[in-house]
Amino acid sequence: MYGAFKQDSSIEVKIMLEVSKAEYIEEYRIRITFNNGASGVVDLKEALWGTMFENLKDYNAFRKFEVPLRQLITTETATTVGF
C-alpha cells in the first residue's frame, strides 16, 4: 500500500500505512492488519496468475509467508507479492 497516507489532524503528521501483521485464513485469503489498527481479509486468488506465481497455487506453499515492510514474501520460494 505504497503512498497511502492518513492525516492525523491532532498532531499534523502524515502516517504511512504499513502492513504490521498477516495471518493465513484459508485457500488464498489472508487477514491483513495495518499499523493504524485497521484490518481486513484479502483474497489473492485472482492475483496469482502467470508462471511466476504457479508454485503458489499450492495452498501449502501459499500459506508460508512473512511480512517485511509492506510485502508478502513466501518463505518456500522467495516470491514477493507487493501491495
PDB file of N, CA and C in Angstrom:
ATOM      1  N   MET A   1       0.847  -1.166   0.000  1.00  0.00           N
ATOM      2  CA  MET A   1       0.000   0.000   0.000  1.00  0.00           C
ATOM      3  C   MET A   1       0.893   1.229   0.000  1.00  0.00           C
ATOM      4  N   TYR A   2       1.696   1.353  -1.000  1.00  0.00           N
ATOM      5  CA  TYR A   2       2.621   2.462  -1.105  1.00  0.00           C
ATOM      6  C   TYR A   2       1.866   3.765  -1.314  1.00  0.00           C
ATOM      7  N   GLY A   3       2.306   4.814  -0.660  1.00  0.00           N
ATOM      8  CA  GLY A   3       1.720   6.131  -0.853  1.00  0.00           C
ATOM      9  C   GLY A   3       0.373   6.326  -0.196  1.00  0.00           C
ATOM     10  N   ALA A   4      -0.055   5.418   0.647  1.00  0.00           N
ATOM     11  CA  ALA A   4      -1.341   5.581   1.328  1.00  0.00           C
ATOM     12  C   ALA A   4      -1.087   6.332   2.631  1.00  0.00           C
ATOM     13  N   PHE A   5      -1.564   7.556   2.704  1.00  0.00           N
ATOM     14  CA  PHE A   5      -1.317   8.385   3.876  1.00  0.00           C
ATOM     15  C   PHE A   5      -2.611   8.717   4.588  1.00  0.00           C
ATOM     16  N   LYS A   6      -2.510   8.861   5.893  1.00  0.00           N
ATOM     17  CA  LYS A   6      -3.650   9.257   6.716  1.00  0.00           C
ATOM     18  C   LYS A   6      -3.245  10.531   7.450  1.00  0.00           C
ATOM     19  N   GLN A   7      -4.051  11.542   7.367  1.00  0.00           N
ATOM     20  CA  GLN A   7      -3.767  12.798   8.068  1.00  0.00           C
ATOM     21  C   GLN A   7      -4.325  12.719   9.481  1.00  0.00           C
ATOM     22  N   ASP A   8      -3.468  12.873  10.478  1.00  0.00           N
ATOM     23  CA  ASP A   8      -3.881  12.924  11.874  1.00  0.00           C
ATOM     24  C   ASP A   8      -3.919  14.395  12.258  1.00  0.00           C
ATOM     25  N   SER A   9      -5.115  14.991  12.295  1.00  0.00           N
ATOM     26  CA  SER A   9      -5.254  16.437  12.491  1.00  0.00           C
ATOM     27  C   SER A   9      -4.842  16.907  13.880  1.00  0.00           C
ATOM     28  N   SER A  10      -4.794  16.010  14.861  1.00  0.00           N
ATOM     29  CA  SER A  10      -4.439  16.441  16.209  1.00  0.00           C
ATOM     30  C   SER A  10      -2.950  16.768  16.335  1.00  0.00           C
ATOM     31  N   ILE A  11      -2.115  16.146  15.515  1.00  0.00           N
ATOM     32  CA  ILE A  11      -0.682  16.430  15.610  1.00  0.00           C
ATOM     33  C   ILE A  11      -0.078  16.838  14.269  1.00  0.00           C
ATOM     34  N   GLU A  12      -0.905  16.911  13.219  1.00  0.00           N
ATOM     35  CA  GLU A  12      -0.464  17.342  11.901  1.00  0.00           C
ATOM     36  C   GLU A  12       0.730  16.549  11.374  1.00  0.00           C
ATOM     37  N   VAL A  13       0.642  15.239  11.469  1.00  0.00           N
ATOM     38  CA  VAL A  13       1.688  14.357  10.969  1.00  0.00           C
ATOM     39  C   VAL A  13       1.050  13.386   9.986  1.00  0.00           C
ATOM     40  N   LYS A  14       1.707  13.186   8.845  1.00  0.00           N
ATOM     41  CA  LYS A  14       1.218  12.186   7.901  1.00  0.00           C
ATOM     42  C   LYS A  14       1.805  10.837   8.284  1.00  0.00           C
ATOM     43  N   ILE A  15       0.934   9.827   8.346  1.00  0.00           N
ATOM     44  CA  ILE A  15       1.345   8.486   8.739  1.00  0.00           C
ATOM     45  C   ILE A  15       1.195   7.567   7.527  1.00  0.00           C
ATOM     46  N   MET A  16       2.276   6.928   7.143  1.00  0.00           N
ATOM     47  CA  MET A  16       2.210   5.981   6.039  1.00  0.00           C
ATOM     48  C   MET A  16       1.685   4.659   6.569  1.00  0.00           C
ATOM     49  N   LEU A  17       0.652   4.132   5.923  1.00  0.00           N
ATOM     50  CA  LEU A  17       0.103   2.840   6.337  1.00  0.00           C
ATOM     51  C   LEU A  17       1.053   1.726   5.923  1.00  0.00           C
ATOM     52  N   GLU A  18       1.306   0.826   6.852  1.00  0.00           N
ATOM     53  CA  GLU A  18       2.153  -0.329   6.597  1.00  0.00           C
ATOM     54  C   GLU A  18       1.462  -1.574   7.134  1.00  0.00           C
ATOM     55  N   VAL A  19       1.703  -2.681   6.485  1.00  0.00           N
ATOM     56  CA  VAL A  19       1.183  -3.958   6.969  1.00  0.00           C
ATOM     57  C   VAL A  19       2.015  -4.355   8.179  1.00  0.00           C
ATOM     58  N   SER A  20       1.366  -4.534   9.316  1.00  0.00           N
ATOM     59  CA  SER A  20       2.089  -4.926  10.521  1.00  0.00           C
ATOM     60  C   SER A  20       1.928  -6.409  10.830  1.00  0.00           C
ATOM     61  N   LYS A  21       0.888  -7.028  10.260  1.00  0.00           N
ATOM     62  CA  LYS A  21       0.624  -8.443  10.544  1.00  0.00           C
ATOM     63  C   LYS A  21      -0.195  -9.039   9.407  1.00  0.00           C
ATOM     64  N   ALA A  22       0.062 -10.274   9.085  1.00  0.00           N
ATOM     65  CA  ALA A  22      -0.732 -11.005   8.102  1.00  0.00           C
ATOM     66  C   ALA A  22      -0.922 -12.422   8.608  1.00  0.00           C
ATOM     67  N   GLU A  23      -2.163 -12.886   8.582  1.00  0.00           N
ATOM     68  CA  GLU A  23      -2.494 -14.229   9.064  1.00  0.00           C
ATOM     69  C   GLU A  23      -3.194 -15.015   7.967  1.00  0.00           C
ATOM     70  N   TYR A  24      -2.741 -16.231   7.719  1.00  0.00           N
ATOM     71  CA  TYR A  24      -3.387 -17.094   6.747  1.00  0.00           C
ATOM     72  C   TYR A  24      -4.762 -17.492   7.277  1.00  0.00           C
ATOM     73  N   ILE A  25      -5.795 -17.360   6.442  1.00  0.00           N
ATOM     74  CA  ILE A  25      -7.158 -17.753   6.821  1.00  0.00           C
ATOM     75  C   ILE A  25      -7.477 -19.124   6.216  1.00  0.00           C
ATOM     76  N   GLU A  26      -7.618 -19.164   4.892  1.00  0.00           N
ATOM     77  CA  GLU A  26      -7.856 -20.408   4.158  1.00  0.00           C
ATOM     78  C   GLU A  26      -7.715 -20.124   2.673  1.00  0.00           C
ATOM     79  N   GLU A  27      -7.511 -21.176   1.906  1.00  0.00           N
ATOM     80  CA  GLU A  27      -7.326 -21.065   0.466  1.00  0.00           C
ATOM     81  C   GLU A  27      -6.345 -19.926   0.169  1.00  0.00           C
ATOM     82  N   TYR A  28      -6.789 -18.865  -0.507  1.00  0.00           N
ATOM     83  CA  TYR A  28      -5.899 -17.745  -0.860  1.00  0.00           C
ATOM     84  C   TYR A  28      -6.251 -16.487  -0.083  1.00  0.00           C
ATOM     85  N   ARG A  29      -6.902 -16.644   1.050  1.00  0.00           N
ATOM     86  CA  ARG A  29      -7.317 -15.485   1.854  1.00  0.00           C
ATOM     87  C   ARG A  29      -6.372 -15.268   3.038  1.00  0.00           C
ATOM     88  N   ILE A  30      -6.031 -13.987   3.225  1.00  0.00           N
ATOM     89  CA  ILE A  30      -5.130 -13.575   4.302  1.00  0.00           C
ATOM     90  C   ILE A  30      -5.765 -12.392   5.023  1.00  0.00           C
ATOM     91  N   ARG A  31      -5.733 -12.418   6.346  1.00  0.00           N
ATOM     92  CA  ARG A  31      -6.179 -11.260   7.133  1.00  0.00           C
ATOM     93  C   ARG A  31      -4.980 -10.343   7.289  1.00  0.00           C
ATOM     94  N   ILE A  32      -5.126  -9.097   6.801  1.00  0.00           N
ATOM     95  CA  ILE A  32      -4.067  -8.091   6.845  1.00  0.00           C
ATOM     96  C   ILE A  32      -4.400  -7.082   7.940  1.00  0.00           C
ATOM     97  N   THR A  33      -3.434  -6.769   8.798  1.00  0.00           N
ATOM     98  CA  THR A  33      -3.588  -5.738   9.822  1.00  0.00           C
ATOM     99  C   THR A  33      -2.550  -4.661   9.561  1.00  0.00           C
ATOM    100  N   PHE A  34      -3.008  -3.400   9.576  1.00  0.00           N
ATOM    101  CA  PHE A  34      -2.127  -2.267   9.309  1.00  0.00           C
ATOM    102  C   PHE A  34      -1.657  -1.636  10.610  1.00  0.00           C
ATOM    103  N   ASN A  35      -0.638  -0.800  10.511  1.00  0.00           N
ATOM    104  CA  ASN A  35      -0.060  -0.162  11.690  1.00  0.00           C
ATOM    105  C   ASN A  35      -1.008   0.823  12.366  1.00  0.00           C
ATOM    106  N   ASN A  36      -2.112   1.176  11.733  1.00  0.00           N
ATOM    107  CA  ASN A  36      -3.102   2.054  12.374  1.00  0.00           C
ATOM    108  C   ASN A  36      -4.228   1.261  13.035  1.00  0.00           C
ATOM    109  N   GLY A  37      -4.126  -0.080  13.041  1.00  0.00           N
ATOM    110  CA  GLY A  37      -5.128  -0.926  13.670  1.00  0.00           C
ATOM    111  C   GLY A  37      -6.207  -1.431  12.737  1.00  0.00           C
ATOM    112  N   ALA A  38      -6.349  -0.835  11.566  1.00  0.00           N
ATOM    113  CA  ALA A  38      -7.348  -1.297  10.593  1.00  0.00           C
ATOM    114  C   ALA A  38      -6.944  -2.682  10.087  1.00  0.00           C
ATOM    115  N   SER A  39      -7.960  -3.507   9.802  1.00  0.00           N
ATOM    116  CA  SER A  39      -7.665  -4.838   9.280  1.00  0.00           C
ATOM    117  C   SER A  39      -8.777  -5.283   8.353  1.00  0.00           C
ATOM    118  N   GLY A  40      -8.492  -6.289   7.578  1.00  0.00           N
ATOM    119  CA  GLY A  40      -9.467  -6.853   6.663  1.00  0.00           C
ATOM    120  C   GLY A  40      -8.901  -8.102   6.022  1.00  0.00           C
ATOM    121  N   VAL A  41      -9.743  -8.778   5.280  1.00  0.00           N
ATOM    122  CA  VAL A  41      -9.338 -10.012   4.615  1.00  0.00           C
ATOM    123  C   VAL A  41      -9.197  -9.737   3.121  1.00  0.00           C
ATOM    124  N   VAL A  42      -8.083 -10.171   2.562  1.00  0.00           N
ATOM    125  CA  VAL A  42      -7.843 -10.026   1.128  1.00  0.00           C
ATOM    126  C   VAL A  42      -7.772 -11.436   0.529  1.00  0.00           C
ATOM    127  N   ASP A  43      -8.413 -11.599  -0.629  1.00  0.00           N
ATOM    128  CA  ASP A  43      -8.359 -12.862  -1.357  1.00  0.00           C
ATOM    129  C   ASP A  43      -7.435 -12.638  -2.551  1.00  0.00           C
ATOM    130  N   LEU A  44      -6.294 -13.304  -2.561  1.00  0.00           N
ATOM    131  CA  LEU A  44      -5.281 -13.097  -3.596  1.00  0.00           C
ATOM    132  C   LEU A  44      -5.374 -14.098  -4.741  1.00  0.00           C
ATOM    133  N   LYS A  45      -6.453 -14.860  -4.789  1.00  0.00           N
ATOM    134  CA  LYS A  45      -6.592 -15.890  -5.818  1.00  0.00           C
ATOM    135  C   LYS A  45      -6.420 -15.315  -7.220  1.00  0.00           C
ATOM    136  N   GLU A  46      -7.068 -14.206  -7.512  1.00  0.00           N
ATOM    137  CA  GLU A  46      -7.008 -13.614  -8.851  1.00  0.00           C
ATOM    138  C   GLU A  46      -5.658 -12.955  -9.140  1.00  0.00           C
ATOM    139  N   ALA A  47      -4.870 -12.672  -8.104  1.00  0.00           N
ATOM    140  CA  ALA A  47      -3.561 -12.041  -8.296  1.00  0.00           C
ATOM    141  C   ALA A  47      -2.477 -13.056  -8.641  1.00  0.00           C
ATOM    142  N   LEU A  48      -2.757 -14.336  -8.451  1.00  0.00           N
ATOM    143  CA  LEU A  48      -1.752 -15.380  -8.666  1.00  0.00           C
ATOM    144  C   LEU A  48      -1.861 -15.965 -10.067  1.00  0.00           C
ATOM    145  N   TRP A  49      -1.606 -15.145 -11.070  1.00  0.00           N
ATOM    146  CA  TRP A  49      -1.679 -15.627 -12.446  1.00  0.00           C
ATOM    147  C   TRP A  49      -0.288 -15.549 -13.069  1.00  0.00           C
ATOM    148  N   GLY A  50      -0.056 -16.367 -14.049  1.00  0.00           N
ATOM    149  CA  GLY A  50       1.222 -16.390 -14.743  1.00  0.00           C
ATOM    150  C   GLY A  50       2.188 -17.386 -14.126  1.00  0.00           C
ATOM    151  N   THR A  51       3.240 -17.659 -14.858  1.00  0.00           N
ATOM    152  CA  THR A  51       4.202 -18.673 -14.427  1.00  0.00           C
ATOM    153  C   THR A  51       4.946 -18.277 -13.153  1.00  0.00           C
ATOM    154  N   MET A  52       5.095 -16.988 -12.915  1.00  0.00           N
ATOM    155  CA  MET A  52       5.814 -16.531 -11.726  1.00  0.00           C
ATOM    156  C   MET A  52       5.158 -17.009 -10.433  1.00  0.00           C
ATOM    157  N   PHE A  53       3.819 -17.106 -10.430  1.00  0.00           N
ATOM    158  CA  PHE A  53       3.095 -17.480  -9.223  1.00  0.00           C
ATOM    159  C   PHE A  53       2.556 -18.907  -9.265  1.00  0.00           C
ATOM    160  N   GLU A  54       2.938 -19.673 -10.255  1.00  0.00           N
ATOM    161  CA  GLU A  54       2.408 -21.030 -10.422  1.00  0.00           C
ATOM    162  C   GLU A  54       2.605 -21.878  -9.171  1.00  0.00           C
ATOM    163  N   ASN A  55       3.767 -21.790  -8.535  1.00  0.00           N
ATOM    164  CA  ASN A  55       4.042 -22.603  -7.345  1.00  0.00           C
ATOM    165  C   ASN A  55       3.165 -22.211  -6.160  1.00  0.00           C
ATOM    166  N   LEU A  56       2.633 -20.983  -6.142  1.00  0.00           N
ATOM    167  CA  LEU A  56       1.801 -20.539  -5.019  1.00  0.00           C
ATOM    168  C   LEU A  56       0.356 -21.020  -5.119  1.00  0.00           C
ATOM    169  N   LYS A  57       0.008 -21.669  -6.205  1.00  0.00           N
ATOM    170  CA  LYS A  57      -1.339 -22.226  -6.318  1.00  0.00           C
ATOM    171  C   LYS A  57      -1.520 -23.427  -5.400  1.00  0.00           C
ATOM    172  N   ASP A  58      -0.419 -23.937  -4.882  1.00  0.00           N
ATOM    173  CA  ASP A  58      -0.449 -24.995  -3.861  1.00  0.00           C
ATOM    174  C   ASP A  58      -0.651 -24.290  -2.515  1.00  0.00           C
ATOM    175  N   TYR A  59      -1.756 -24.593  -1.833  1.00  0.00           N
ATOM    176  CA  TYR A  59      -2.074 -23.935  -0.559  1.00  0.00           C
ATOM    177  C   TYR A  59      -0.945 -24.060   0.472  1.00  0.00           C
ATOM    178  N   ASN A  60      -0.272 -25.213   0.497  1.00  0.00           N
ATOM    179  CA  ASN A  60       0.809 -25.401   1.465  1.00  0.00           C
ATOM    180  C   ASN A  60       1.967 -24.444   1.214  1.00  0.00           C
ATOM    181  N   ALA A  61       2.253 -24.140  -0.039  1.00  0.00           N
ATOM    182  CA  ALA A  61       3.298 -23.164  -0.369  1.00  0.00           C
ATOM    183  C   ALA A  61       2.795 -21.744  -0.107  1.00  0.00           C
ATOM    184  N   PHE A  62       1.551 -21.464  -0.471  1.00  0.00           N
ATOM    185  CA  PHE A  62       0.977 -20.127  -0.319  1.00  0.00           C
ATOM    186  C   PHE A  62       0.938 -19.672   1.137  1.00  0.00           C
ATOM    187  N   ARG A  63       0.625 -20.578   2.028  1.00  0.00           N
ATOM    188  CA  ARG A  63       0.425 -20.199   3.432  1.00  0.00           C
ATOM    189  C   ARG A  63       1.720 -19.914   4.185  1.00  0.00           C
ATOM    190  N   LYS A  64       2.873 -20.155   3.594  1.00  0.00           N
ATOM    191  CA  LYS A  64       4.170 -19.891   4.230  1.00  0.00           C
ATOM    192  C   LYS A  64       4.687 -18.532   3.765  1.00  0.00           C
ATOM    193  N   PHE A  65       4.466 -17.508   4.564  1.00  0.00           N
ATOM    194  CA  PHE A  65       4.889 -16.168   4.174  1.00  0.00           C
ATOM    195  C   PHE A  65       5.350 -15.364   5.379  1.00  0.00           C
ATOM    196  N   GLU A  66       6.015 -14.257   5.100  1.00  0.00           N
ATOM    197  CA  GLU A  66       6.453 -13.292   6.101  1.00  0.00           C
ATOM    198  C   GLU A  66       5.968 -11.924   5.661  1.00  0.00           C
ATOM    199  N   VAL A  67       6.028 -10.944   6.552  1.00  0.00           N
ATOM    200  CA  VAL A  67       5.609  -9.588   6.207  1.00  0.00           C
ATOM    201  C   VAL A  67       6.724  -8.593   6.541  1.00  0.00           C
ATOM    202  N   PRO A  68       7.726  -8.472   5.674  1.00  0.00           N
ATOM    203  CA  PRO A  68       8.744  -7.451   5.893  1.00  0.00           C
ATOM    204  C   PRO A  68       8.423  -6.195   5.083  1.00  0.00           C
ATOM    205  N   LEU A  69       8.079  -5.119   5.749  1.00  0.00           N
ATOM    206  CA  LEU A  69       7.857  -3.821   5.102  1.00  0.00           C
ATOM    207  C   LEU A  69       6.906  -3.848   3.909  1.00  0.00           C
ATOM    208  N   ARG A  70       5.617  -4.064   4.165  1.00  0.00           N
ATOM    209  CA  ARG A  70       4.548  -3.940   3.175  1.00  0.00           C
ATOM    210  C   ARG A  70       4.594  -4.958   2.040  1.00  0.00           C
ATOM    211  N   GLN A  71       5.210  -6.101   2.238  1.00  0.00           N
ATOM    212  CA  GLN A  71       5.240  -7.123   1.205  1.00  0.00           C
ATOM    213  C   GLN A  71       4.957  -8.473   1.833  1.00  0.00           C
ATOM    214  N   LEU A  72       4.382  -9.348   1.063  1.00  0.00           N
ATOM    215  CA  LEU A  72       4.275 -10.745   1.474  1.00  0.00           C
ATOM    216  C   LEU A  72       5.371 -11.485   0.731  1.00  0.00           C
ATOM    217  N   ILE A  73       6.200 -12.198   1.453  1.00  0.00           N
ATOM    218  CA  ILE A  73       7.243 -12.993   0.816  1.00  0.00           C
ATOM    219  C   ILE A  73       7.035 -14.432   1.248  1.00  0.00           C
ATOM    220  N   THR A  74       6.842 -15.313   0.265  1.00  0.00           N
ATOM    221  CA  THR A  74       6.676 -16.717   0.606  1.00  0.00           C
ATOM    222  C   THR A  74       8.039 -17.267   0.986  1.00  0.00           C
ATOM    223  N   THR A  75       8.126 -17.923   2.104  1.00  0.00           N
ATOM    224  CA  THR A  75       9.411 -18.407   2.594  1.00  0.00           C
ATOM    225  C   THR A  75       9.889 -19.626   1.814  1.00  0.00           C
ATOM    226  N   GLU A  76       8.975 -20.327   1.185  1.00  0.00           N
ATOM    227  CA  GLU A  76       9.373 -21.535   0.461  1.00  0.00           C
ATOM    228  C   GLU A  76      10.023 -21.224  -0.877  1.00  0.00           C
ATOM    229  N   THR A  77       9.569 -20.169  -1.560  1.00  0.00           N
ATOM    230  CA  THR A  77      10.051 -19.908  -2.912  1.00  0.00           C
ATOM    231  C   THR A  77      10.626 -18.513  -3.102  1.00  0.00           C
ATOM    232  N   ALA A  78      10.586 -17.676  -2.078  1.00  0.00           N
ATOM    233  CA  ALA A  78      11.079 -16.290  -2.138  1.00  0.00           C
ATOM    234  C   ALA A  78      10.348 -15.468  -3.193  1.00  0.00           C
ATOM    235  N   THR A  79       9.076 -15.782  -3.423  1.00  0.00           N
ATOM    236  CA  THR A  79       8.264 -15.000  -4.336  1.00  0.00           C
ATOM    237  C   THR A  79       7.665 -13.835  -3.565  1.00  0.00           C
ATOM    238  N   THR A  80       7.726 -12.633  -4.142  1.00  0.00           N
ATOM    239  CA  THR A  80       7.233 -11.437  -3.470  1.00  0.00           C
ATOM    240  C   THR A  80       5.929 -10.970  -4.105  1.00  0.00           C
ATOM    241  N   VAL A  81       4.947 -10.675  -3.274  1.00  0.00           N
ATOM    242  CA  VAL A  81       3.697 -10.077  -3.726  1.00  0.00           C
ATOM    243  C   VAL A  81       3.591  -8.728  -3.015  1.00  0.00           C
ATOM    244  N   GLY A  82       3.816  -7.632  -3.723  1.00  0.00           N
ATOM    245  CA  GLY A  82       3.726  -6.304  -3.125  1.00  0.00           C
ATOM    246  C   GLY A  82       2.285  -5.807  -3.145  1.00  0.00           C
ATOM    247  N   PHE A  83       1.921  -5.040  -2.136  1.00  0.00           N
ATOM    248  CA  PHE A  83       0.580  -4.447  -2.102  1.00  0.00           C
ATOM    249  C   PHE A  83       0.616  -3.173  -1.336  1.00  0.00           C
TER     250      PHE A  83
END
